[in-house]
Structure formats: structure tokens, C-alpha cells
Amino acid sequence: MSARAPLHALRLMPLIAAQVAKHGLRKGLANATAKANPTLMVIEAATSVAGAIDSYLQYRTAIACRDGLKKLLPLEDKRLRDEREKLRQQLDRVRADMDQRQKIQERLGQLVNACVNAVRLIWEELEMLRYEDLPDLDIIEQLTEQLDGAWHQFQAALAYYQEMSN
């Protein structure tokens, strides 16, 4: 029997490599593990449990055949199949919740991109206004400060969301 690498480990390896290259070994590993998706790890662990139950059922079948305990096998088989079905139902519910979270993350990503593009465009416009003939520097400075304040508030809200969702 060969040991399978869990899917979350395979997905985490490129992230670890990128973080280690960017920040060094110790800080890179810390950053990469902080970005690991714990929900996905739990789902994959539960899937592994379901696989272990299947393996156990096959093992019990082999033992029952070997030892002649065929009367006990159907009862044990039914009990374990019921447990496996409950586990699968829970996995389906968790996957549905995860899909919903993924949709929220995608929408949030689109919102962040729209905000970044809008702020970048406004900063460029304000910079061009500074170099026009007879610019009103007081108003431009006031608008720049207002934009900076709104941008920092947006970044703080985004950081808080990321902290709360992890």
C-alpha cells in the first residue's frame, strides 16, 4: 500500500515555495501556513476518514470470509455504511458552504479590483490636475487627503475581513 499525499499538501507546496523565496525559510513557512485553507484541510481529512472506513469494510469482509463469521458481517457492514453515509452528507453540506464562501470571496475580489482601479485612476487624475495651468492646489490637496483616508479605511476593513474569515 502506498501513502498518498493529501491534496491540501500538494496545493500548499507552491505557496510555501513562493513564500520561502520571498521572505526566507522561517518567515516564508509561517506566511504559507497562515494562508492555508483550514476548511479545505478538514474536508480532505474527512474524505480520508471515509476512505479509511471503506478500507476497513474491505478488511472486515476478508476477515469474515477467513474466519467464517459471515453472520456478523451484514450487521457490521450496515452500521458502517450508515456512518459513512452520514459522513458523506456532512461533507456535502460543508462543500456547499465552502462553495458559498468561495462565491463571496470572488465577489469580494472583484470589488477590491474595482476599488484599486478606481483609486489608481483618481490618483492619476489628481496628479495630472496638479500640472495644469493655474491649478487650485488647496482643493487638489483636500481631495488627495480625502482619497487617502478612504483608501486606508478600505484597507483596514479588508484586513479585518481577512482576519475574521481565517
N, C-alpha and C. Protein backbone atom coordinates (compact mmCIF):
# COMPACT_ATOMS: atom_id res chain seq x y z
N MET A 1 0.84 -1.17 0.00
CA MET A 1 0.00 0.00 0.00
C MET A 1 0.89 1.23 0.00
N SER A 2 0.65 2.15 -0.91
CA SER A 2 1.48 3.36 -0.98
C SER A 2 0.77 4.50 -0.28
N ALA A 3 1.55 5.36 0.35
CA ALA A 3 0.98 6.51 1.05
C ALA A 3 0.69 7.61 0.05
N ARG A 4 -0.52 8.14 0.10
CA ARG A 4 -0.93 9.23 -0.78
C ARG A 4 -0.69 10.55 -0.10
N ALA A 5 -0.19 11.51 -0.85
CA ALA A 5 -0.03 12.86 -0.31
C ALA A 5 -1.40 13.52 -0.31
N PRO A 6 -1.80 14.13 0.83
CA PRO A 6 -3.10 14.80 0.86
C PRO A 6 -3.15 15.94 -0.16
N LEU A 7 -4.34 16.18 -0.68
CA LEU A 7 -4.49 17.22 -1.70
C LEU A 7 -4.10 18.60 -1.17
N HIS A 8 -4.44 18.89 0.09
CA HIS A 8 -4.10 20.21 0.62
C HIS A 8 -2.59 20.39 0.70
N ALA A 9 -1.85 19.31 0.92
CA ALA A 9 -0.40 19.41 0.96
C ALA A 9 0.14 19.74 -0.44
N LEU A 10 -0.45 19.13 -1.47
CA LEU A 10 0.00 19.42 -2.82
C LEU A 10 -0.32 20.84 -3.23
N ARG A 11 -1.47 21.35 -2.77
CA ARG A 11 -1.83 22.73 -3.09
C ARG A 11 -1.00 23.73 -2.31
N LEU A 12 -0.55 23.32 -1.13
CA LEU A 12 0.20 24.23 -0.26
C LEU A 12 1.66 24.33 -0.68
N MET A 13 2.19 23.33 -1.39
CA MET A 13 3.62 23.32 -1.74
C MET A 13 4.03 24.51 -2.60
N PRO A 14 3.30 24.88 -3.66
CA PRO A 14 3.71 26.07 -4.43
C PRO A 14 3.66 27.35 -3.60
N LEU A 15 2.66 27.43 -2.73
CA LEU A 15 2.54 28.60 -1.86
C LEU A 15 3.73 28.68 -0.91
N ILE A 16 4.13 27.54 -0.36
CA ILE A 16 5.28 27.52 0.54
C ILE A 16 6.53 27.95 -0.21
N ALA A 17 6.72 27.42 -1.40
CA ALA A 17 7.92 27.75 -2.18
C ALA A 17 7.96 29.25 -2.50
N ALA A 18 6.82 29.82 -2.87
CA ALA A 18 6.78 31.25 -3.19
C ALA A 18 7.07 32.10 -1.95
N GLN A 19 6.49 31.72 -0.82
CA GLN A 19 6.69 32.49 0.40
C GLN A 19 8.14 32.36 0.90
N VAL A 20 8.73 31.16 0.78
CA VAL A 20 10.12 30.98 1.20
C VAL A 20 11.05 31.80 0.32
N ALA A 21 10.78 31.81 -0.98
CA ALA A 21 11.62 32.60 -1.89
C ALA A 21 11.49 34.09 -1.60
N LYS A 22 10.31 34.51 -1.19
CA LYS A 22 10.07 35.92 -0.96
C LYS A 22 10.59 36.39 0.40
N HIS A 23 10.37 35.58 1.46
CA HIS A 23 10.65 36.04 2.82
C HIS A 23 11.75 35.26 3.55
N GLY A 24 12.29 34.23 2.96
CA GLY A 24 13.24 33.39 3.68
C GLY A 24 12.51 32.20 4.28
N LEU A 25 13.27 31.23 4.77
CA LEU A 25 12.69 29.95 5.19
C LEU A 25 11.74 30.10 6.37
N ARG A 26 12.17 30.66 7.46
CA ARG A 26 11.34 30.71 8.67
C ARG A 26 10.09 31.55 8.46
N LYS A 27 10.24 32.77 8.01
CA LYS A 27 9.08 33.66 7.81
C LYS A 27 8.21 33.16 6.65
N GLY A 28 8.84 32.60 5.62
CA GLY A 28 8.07 32.08 4.49
C GLY A 28 7.18 30.92 4.88
N LEU A 29 7.70 30.01 5.70
CA LEU A 29 6.88 28.89 6.17
C LEU A 29 5.73 29.39 7.04
N ALA A 30 6.02 30.37 7.89
CA ALA A 30 4.96 30.93 8.73
C ALA A 30 3.88 31.59 7.88
N ASN A 31 4.28 32.35 6.86
CA ASN A 31 3.30 33.00 5.98
C ASN A 31 2.48 31.98 5.21
N ALA A 32 3.15 30.96 4.70
CA ALA A 32 2.45 29.96 3.89
C ALA A 32 1.44 29.18 4.72
N THR A 33 1.82 28.78 5.94
CA THR A 33 0.88 28.03 6.75
C THR A 33 -0.27 28.92 7.21
N ALA A 34 -0.02 30.21 7.36
CA ALA A 34 -1.10 31.12 7.73
C ALA A 34 -2.12 31.25 6.61
N LYS A 35 -1.68 31.07 5.36
CA LYS A 35 -2.58 31.21 4.21
C LYS A 35 -3.25 29.89 3.84
N ALA A 36 -2.94 28.82 4.52
CA ALA A 36 -3.55 27.53 4.21
C ALA A 36 -5.04 27.60 4.53
N ASN A 37 -5.83 26.92 3.73
CA ASN A 37 -7.28 26.95 3.91
C ASN A 37 -7.68 25.84 4.88
N PRO A 38 -8.01 26.19 6.13
CA PRO A 38 -8.34 25.16 7.12
C PRO A 38 -9.61 24.41 6.78
N THR A 39 -10.56 25.07 6.14
CA THR A 39 -11.80 24.38 5.76
C THR A 39 -11.50 23.26 4.78
N LEU A 40 -10.66 23.57 3.80
CA LEU A 40 -10.30 22.57 2.80
C LEU A 40 -9.55 21.41 3.45
N MET A 41 -8.69 21.71 4.40
CA MET A 41 -7.95 20.65 5.10
C MET A 41 -8.91 19.74 5.85
N VAL A 42 -9.93 20.31 6.50
CA VAL A 42 -10.91 19.50 7.23
C VAL A 42 -11.70 18.63 6.27
N ILE A 43 -12.10 19.20 5.14
CA ILE A 43 -12.87 18.41 4.16
C ILE A 43 -12.02 17.25 3.64
N GLU A 44 -10.77 17.52 3.32
CA GLU A 44 -9.92 16.45 2.80
C GLU A 44 -9.63 15.41 3.88
N ALA A 45 -9.51 15.84 5.13
CA ALA A 45 -9.32 14.89 6.22
C ALA A 45 -10.56 14.01 6.38
N ALA A 46 -11.74 14.61 6.26
CA ALA A 46 -12.98 13.84 6.36
C ALA A 46 -13.10 12.86 5.20
N THR A 47 -12.66 13.28 4.02
CA THR A 47 -12.65 12.37 2.88
C THR A 47 -11.71 11.20 3.13
N SER A 48 -10.58 11.48 3.75
CA SER A 48 -9.64 10.41 4.11
C SER A 48 -10.28 9.45 5.11
N VAL A 49 -11.07 9.98 6.05
CA VAL A 49 -11.76 9.12 7.01
C VAL A 49 -12.74 8.20 6.27
N ALA A 50 -13.47 8.77 5.30
CA ALA A 50 -14.40 7.94 4.52
C ALA A 50 -13.64 6.84 3.78
N GLY A 51 -12.47 7.18 3.25
CA GLY A 51 -11.64 6.18 2.58
C GLY A 51 -11.16 5.11 3.54
N ALA A 52 -10.83 5.53 4.76
CA ALA A 52 -10.40 4.56 5.78
C ALA A 52 -11.54 3.62 6.16
N ILE A 53 -12.77 4.17 6.21
CA ILE A 53 -13.93 3.32 6.50
C ILE A 53 -14.11 2.28 5.40
N ASP A 54 -13.96 2.71 4.16
CA ASP A 54 -14.05 1.76 3.04
C ASP A 54 -12.99 0.66 3.16
N SER A 55 -11.77 1.06 3.48
CA SER A 55 -10.71 0.07 3.65
C SER A 55 -11.02 -0.90 4.78
N TYR A 56 -11.57 -0.35 5.87
CA TYR A 56 -11.93 -1.21 7.00
C TYR A 56 -13.02 -2.20 6.60
N LEU A 57 -14.01 -1.72 5.83
CA LEU A 57 -15.07 -2.62 5.38
C LEU A 57 -14.50 -3.76 4.54
N GLN A 58 -13.58 -3.44 3.67
CA GLN A 58 -12.95 -4.48 2.86
C GLN A 58 -12.16 -5.45 3.73
N TYR A 59 -11.48 -4.93 4.72
CA TYR A 59 -10.70 -5.76 5.65
C TYR A 59 -11.63 -6.68 6.44
N ARG A 60 -12.74 -6.12 6.96
CA ARG A 60 -13.69 -6.93 7.73
C ARG A 60 -14.29 -8.02 6.85
N THR A 61 -14.55 -7.71 5.60
CA THR A 61 -15.08 -8.72 4.69
C THR A 61 -14.09 -9.86 4.53
N ALA A 62 -12.84 -9.51 4.36
CA ALA A 62 -11.79 -10.53 4.21
C ALA A 62 -11.66 -11.37 5.47
N ILE A 63 -11.71 -10.74 6.63
CA ILE A 63 -11.60 -11.49 7.90
C ILE A 63 -12.81 -12.38 8.11
N ALA A 64 -13.99 -11.83 7.80
CA ALA A 64 -15.21 -12.62 7.97
C ALA A 64 -15.19 -13.85 7.08
N CYS A 65 -14.72 -13.68 5.88
CA CYS A 65 -14.63 -14.83 4.97
C CYS A 65 -13.61 -15.83 5.49
N ARG A 66 -12.52 -15.31 6.02
CA ARG A 66 -11.46 -16.19 6.51
C ARG A 66 -11.91 -16.94 7.77
N ASP A 67 -12.56 -16.24 8.67
CA ASP A 67 -12.91 -16.85 9.95
C ASP A 67 -14.30 -17.48 9.96
N GLY A 68 -15.04 -17.31 8.90
CA GLY A 68 -16.37 -17.90 8.85
C GLY A 68 -17.39 -17.15 9.68
N LEU A 69 -17.18 -15.86 9.88
CA LEU A 69 -18.11 -15.06 10.68
C LEU A 69 -19.08 -14.29 9.78
N LYS A 70 -19.62 -14.94 8.81
CA LYS A 70 -20.45 -14.27 7.83
C LYS A 70 -21.75 -13.75 8.45
N LYS A 71 -22.21 -14.29 9.58
CA LYS A 71 -23.44 -13.80 10.20
C LYS A 71 -23.24 -12.41 10.79
N LEU A 72 -22.06 -12.13 11.29
CA LEU A 72 -21.77 -10.84 11.91
C LEU A 72 -21.52 -9.76 10.85
N LEU A 73 -21.05 -10.16 9.73
CA LEU A 73 -20.66 -9.22 8.69
C LEU A 73 -21.79 -8.30 8.22
N PRO A 74 -22.99 -8.77 7.91
CA PRO A 74 -24.04 -7.85 7.43
C PRO A 74 -24.39 -6.76 8.45
N LEU A 75 -24.43 -7.11 9.74
CA LEU A 75 -24.75 -6.12 10.77
C LEU A 75 -23.65 -5.04 10.84
N GLU A 76 -22.43 -5.50 10.86
CA GLU A 76 -21.30 -4.56 10.92
C GLU A 76 -21.24 -3.72 9.64
N ASP A 77 -21.49 -4.36 8.52
CA ASP A 77 -21.47 -3.68 7.23
C ASP A 77 -22.55 -2.59 7.19
N LYS A 78 -23.75 -2.89 7.64
CA LYS A 78 -24.83 -1.91 7.63
C LYS A 78 -24.51 -0.75 8.56
N ARG A 79 -24.01 -1.03 9.74
CA ARG A 79 -23.68 0.03 10.69
C ARG A 79 -22.62 0.97 10.11
N LEU A 80 -21.59 0.41 9.53
CA LEU A 80 -20.53 1.24 8.97
C LEU A 80 -20.98 1.98 7.71
N ARG A 81 -21.81 1.36 6.91
CA ARG A 81 -22.34 2.06 5.73
C ARG A 81 -23.20 3.25 6.15
N ASP A 82 -24.01 3.08 7.21
CA ASP A 82 -24.81 4.20 7.72
C ASP A 82 -23.91 5.33 8.20
N GLU A 83 -22.85 4.99 8.92
CA GLU A 83 -21.91 6.00 9.41
C GLU A 83 -21.24 6.72 8.23
N ARG A 84 -20.85 5.94 7.23
CA ARG A 84 -20.22 6.53 6.05
C ARG A 84 -21.18 7.45 5.32
N GLU A 85 -22.47 7.07 5.24
CA GLU A 85 -23.46 7.91 4.58
C GLU A 85 -23.67 9.22 5.34
N LYS A 86 -23.70 9.15 6.68
CA LYS A 86 -23.80 10.36 7.48
C LYS A 86 -22.61 11.28 7.22
N LEU A 87 -21.44 10.68 7.17
CA LEU A 87 -20.23 11.45 6.90
C LEU A 87 -20.28 12.10 5.52
N ARG A 88 -20.74 11.37 4.53
CA ARG A 88 -20.86 11.93 3.18
C ARG A 88 -21.86 13.09 3.14
N GLN A 89 -22.97 12.96 3.85
CA GLN A 89 -23.95 14.04 3.89
C GLN A 89 -23.36 15.29 4.53
N GLN A 90 -22.61 15.09 5.61
CA GLN A 90 -21.96 16.23 6.25
C GLN A 90 -20.93 16.86 5.32
N LEU A 91 -20.20 16.03 4.60
CA LEU A 91 -19.22 16.55 3.63
C LEU A 91 -19.91 17.36 2.55
N ASP A 92 -21.06 16.88 2.07
CA ASP A 92 -21.80 17.63 1.05
C ASP A 92 -22.25 18.98 1.58
N ARG A 93 -22.71 19.02 2.83
CA ARG A 93 -23.12 20.30 3.42
C ARG A 93 -21.94 21.25 3.55
N VAL A 94 -20.80 20.73 4.00
CA VAL A 94 -19.61 21.57 4.16
C VAL A 94 -19.13 22.08 2.80
N ARG A 95 -19.17 21.21 1.80
CA ARG A 95 -18.76 21.65 0.46
C ARG A 95 -19.68 22.74 -0.08
N ALA A 96 -20.98 22.62 0.19
CA ALA A 96 -21.92 23.65 -0.25
C ALA A 96 -21.62 24.98 0.46
N ASP A 97 -21.33 24.91 1.76
CA ASP A 97 -20.96 26.12 2.49
C ASP A 97 -19.67 26.71 1.93
N MET A 98 -18.73 25.85 1.60
CA MET A 98 -17.46 26.31 1.06
C MET A 98 -17.65 26.95 -0.31
N ASP A 99 -18.55 26.38 -1.13
CA ASP A 99 -18.84 26.98 -2.43
C ASP A 99 -19.42 28.38 -2.25
N GLN A 100 -20.31 28.52 -1.26
CA GLN A 100 -20.91 29.83 -0.99
C GLN A 100 -19.82 30.81 -0.57
N ARG A 101 -18.92 30.37 0.31
CA ARG A 101 -17.81 31.24 0.73
C ARG A 101 -16.92 31.60 -0.44
N GLN A 102 -16.71 30.64 -1.33
CA GLN A 102 -15.87 30.91 -2.49
C GLN A 102 -16.53 31.98 -3.38
N LYS A 103 -17.85 31.91 -3.54
CA LYS A 103 -18.55 32.93 -4.33
C LYS A 103 -18.42 34.30 -3.68
N ILE A 104 -18.53 34.32 -2.36
CA ILE A 104 -18.36 35.60 -1.64
C ILE A 104 -16.94 36.11 -1.84
N GLN A 105 -15.96 35.21 -1.76
CA GLN A 105 -14.56 35.61 -1.96
C GLN A 105 -14.35 36.16 -3.37
N GLU A 106 -14.97 35.52 -4.36
CA GLU A 106 -14.84 36.00 -5.74
C GLU A 106 -15.45 37.39 -5.90
N ARG A 107 -16.63 37.59 -5.32
CA ARG A 107 -17.27 38.91 -5.39
C ARG A 107 -16.44 39.96 -4.66
N LEU A 108 -15.90 39.57 -3.52
CA LEU A 108 -15.06 40.49 -2.77
C LEU A 108 -13.80 40.83 -3.58
N GLY A 109 -13.24 39.84 -4.26
CA GLY A 109 -12.07 40.09 -5.11
C GLY A 109 -12.39 41.05 -6.24
N GLN A 110 -13.56 40.90 -6.83
CA GLN A 110 -13.98 41.82 -7.89
C GLN A 110 -14.16 43.23 -7.34
N LEU A 111 -14.73 43.33 -6.14
CA LEU A 111 -14.89 44.63 -5.50
C LEU A 111 -13.55 45.28 -5.21
N VAL A 112 -12.61 44.49 -4.70
CA VAL A 112 -11.27 45.02 -4.40
C VAL A 112 -10.61 45.50 -5.68
N ASN A 113 -10.69 44.71 -6.75
CA ASN A 113 -10.09 45.13 -8.02
C ASN A 113 -10.72 46.42 -8.53
N ALA A 114 -12.05 46.53 -8.42
CA ALA A 114 -12.72 47.75 -8.87
C ALA A 114 -12.27 48.95 -8.04
N CYS A 115 -12.14 48.77 -6.74
CA CYS A 115 -11.69 49.87 -5.87
C CYS A 115 -10.25 50.27 -6.19
N VAL A 116 -9.40 49.28 -6.37
CA VAL A 116 -8.00 49.57 -6.69
C VAL A 116 -7.90 50.34 -7.99
N ASN A 117 -8.63 49.89 -9.00
CA ASN A 117 -8.59 50.57 -10.29
C ASN A 117 -9.14 51.99 -10.20
N ALA A 118 -10.23 52.16 -9.45
CA ALA A 118 -10.83 53.49 -9.31
C ALA A 118 -9.90 54.43 -8.56
N VAL A 119 -9.30 53.97 -7.49
CA VAL A 119 -8.38 54.82 -6.71
C VAL A 119 -7.16 55.17 -7.55
N ARG A 120 -6.63 54.19 -8.26
CA ARG A 120 -5.47 54.45 -9.12
C ARG A 120 -5.80 55.50 -10.17
N LEU A 121 -6.97 55.39 -10.79
CA LEU A 121 -7.39 56.35 -11.80
C LEU A 121 -7.55 57.74 -11.21
N ILE A 122 -8.15 57.83 -10.02
CA ILE A 122 -8.34 59.14 -9.40
C ILE A 122 -7.00 59.75 -9.01
N TRP A 123 -6.08 58.94 -8.49
CA TRP A 123 -4.75 59.48 -8.16
C TRP A 123 -4.05 60.02 -9.40
N GLU A 124 -4.17 59.28 -10.49
CA GLU A 124 -3.56 59.75 -11.74
C GLU A 124 -4.20 61.06 -12.20
N GLU A 125 -5.53 61.13 -12.10
CA GLU A 125 -6.23 62.36 -12.49
C GLU A 125 -5.81 63.53 -11.60
N LEU A 126 -5.73 63.30 -10.30
CA LEU A 126 -5.30 64.37 -9.39
C LEU A 126 -3.86 64.82 -9.69
N GLU A 127 -3.02 63.87 -10.02
CA GLU A 127 -1.63 64.21 -10.37
C GLU A 127 -1.58 65.04 -11.64
N MET A 128 -2.43 64.70 -12.62
CA MET A 128 -2.46 65.49 -13.86
C MET A 128 -3.02 66.88 -13.60
N LEU A 129 -4.00 67.00 -12.68
CA LEU A 129 -4.57 68.30 -12.35
C LEU A 129 -3.53 69.24 -11.72
N ARG A 130 -2.59 68.67 -10.99
CA ARG A 130 -1.54 69.48 -10.34
C ARG A 130 -0.69 70.23 -11.38
N TYR A 131 -0.55 69.65 -12.56
CA TYR A 131 0.33 70.23 -13.57
C TYR A 131 -0.41 71.03 -14.64
N GLU A 132 -1.71 71.24 -14.46
CA GLU A 132 -2.44 72.07 -15.40
C GLU A 132 -2.13 73.54 -15.15
N ASP A 133 -2.55 74.37 -16.07
CA ASP A 133 -2.39 75.82 -15.89
C ASP A 133 -3.31 76.28 -14.76
N LEU A 134 -2.78 77.00 -13.83
CA LEU A 134 -3.50 77.58 -12.70
C LEU A 134 -4.31 76.55 -11.90
N PRO A 135 -3.67 75.51 -11.37
CA PRO A 135 -4.41 74.52 -10.59
C PRO A 135 -4.77 75.09 -9.22
N ASP A 136 -5.86 74.66 -8.67
CA ASP A 136 -6.25 75.05 -7.31
C ASP A 136 -5.68 73.98 -6.38
N LEU A 137 -4.46 74.22 -5.92
CA LEU A 137 -3.72 73.23 -5.15
C LEU A 137 -4.39 72.90 -3.82
N ASP A 138 -5.10 73.85 -3.22
CA ASP A 138 -5.77 73.58 -1.96
C ASP A 138 -6.85 72.51 -2.14
N ILE A 139 -7.66 72.66 -3.17
CA ILE A 139 -8.72 71.68 -3.43
C ILE A 139 -8.11 70.33 -3.82
N ILE A 140 -7.07 70.36 -4.64
CA ILE A 140 -6.42 69.11 -5.05
C ILE A 140 -5.84 68.40 -3.83
N GLU A 141 -5.22 69.16 -2.93
CA GLU A 141 -4.66 68.57 -1.71
C GLU A 141 -5.77 68.01 -0.82
N GLN A 142 -6.87 68.72 -0.72
CA GLN A 142 -8.01 68.27 0.08
C GLN A 142 -8.58 66.97 -0.49
N LEU A 143 -8.71 66.91 -1.81
CA LEU A 143 -9.22 65.70 -2.46
C LEU A 143 -8.25 64.53 -2.29
N THR A 144 -6.96 64.82 -2.36
CA THR A 144 -5.95 63.77 -2.18
C THR A 144 -6.02 63.21 -0.77
N GLU A 145 -6.14 64.08 0.23
CA GLU A 145 -6.25 63.62 1.61
C GLU A 145 -7.52 62.81 1.83
N GLN A 146 -8.61 63.25 1.23
CA GLN A 146 -9.87 62.52 1.36
C GLN A 146 -9.75 61.14 0.72
N LEU A 147 -9.11 61.07 -0.44
CA LEU A 147 -8.92 59.79 -1.12
C LEU A 147 -8.00 58.88 -0.32
N ASP A 148 -6.91 59.45 0.23
CA ASP A 148 -6.00 58.65 1.06
C ASP A 148 -6.72 58.10 2.28
N GLY A 149 -7.54 58.92 2.93
CA GLY A 149 -8.29 58.46 4.10
C GLY A 149 -9.25 57.34 3.76
N ALA A 150 -9.96 57.50 2.66
CA ALA A 150 -10.90 56.46 2.23
C ALA A 150 -10.17 55.18 1.87
N TRP A 151 -9.01 55.30 1.23
CA TRP A 151 -8.22 54.13 0.84
C TRP A 151 -7.71 53.39 2.08
N HIS A 152 -7.23 54.11 3.08
CA HIS A 152 -6.75 53.47 4.30
C HIS A 152 -7.91 52.81 5.06
N GLN A 153 -9.06 53.44 5.04
CA GLN A 153 -10.24 52.84 5.68
C GLN A 153 -10.64 51.56 4.96
N PHE A 154 -10.58 51.57 3.63
CA PHE A 154 -10.89 50.37 2.85
C PHE A 154 -9.90 49.26 3.15
N GLN A 155 -8.61 49.60 3.21
CA GLN A 155 -7.59 48.59 3.52
C GLN A 155 -7.79 48.01 4.91
N ALA A 156 -8.13 48.85 5.88
CA ALA A 156 -8.36 48.36 7.24
C ALA A 156 -9.57 47.43 7.29
N ALA A 157 -10.63 47.79 6.59
CA ALA A 157 -11.82 46.94 6.55
C ALA A 157 -11.51 45.60 5.89
N LEU A 158 -10.73 45.63 4.82
CA LEU A 158 -10.35 44.41 4.13
C LEU A 158 -9.47 43.53 5.02
N ALA A 159 -8.52 44.13 5.72
CA ALA A 159 -7.66 43.38 6.63
C ALA A 159 -8.49 42.74 7.75
N TYR A 160 -9.45 43.49 8.28
CA TYR A 160 -10.33 42.96 9.33
C TYR A 160 -11.15 41.78 8.79
N TYR A 161 -11.67 41.90 7.57
CA TYR A 161 -12.43 40.81 6.98
C TYR A 161 -11.56 39.56 6.83
N GLN A 162 -10.35 39.74 6.33
CA GLN A 162 -9.45 38.61 6.15
C GLN A 162 -9.11 37.96 7.49
N GLU A 163 -8.90 38.77 8.51
CA GLU A 163 -8.59 38.25 9.83
C GLU A 163 -9.76 37.46 10.39
N MET A 164 -10.96 37.97 10.20
CA MET A 164 -12.14 37.31 10.74
C MET A 164 -12.52 36.06 9.95
N SER A 165 -12.22 36.03 8.66
CA SER A 165 -12.58 34.87 7.85
C SER A 165 -11.58 33.74 7.99
N ASN A 166 -10.40 34.03 8.50
CA ASN A 166 -9.40 32.96 8.74
C ASN A 166 -9.62 32.43 10.09
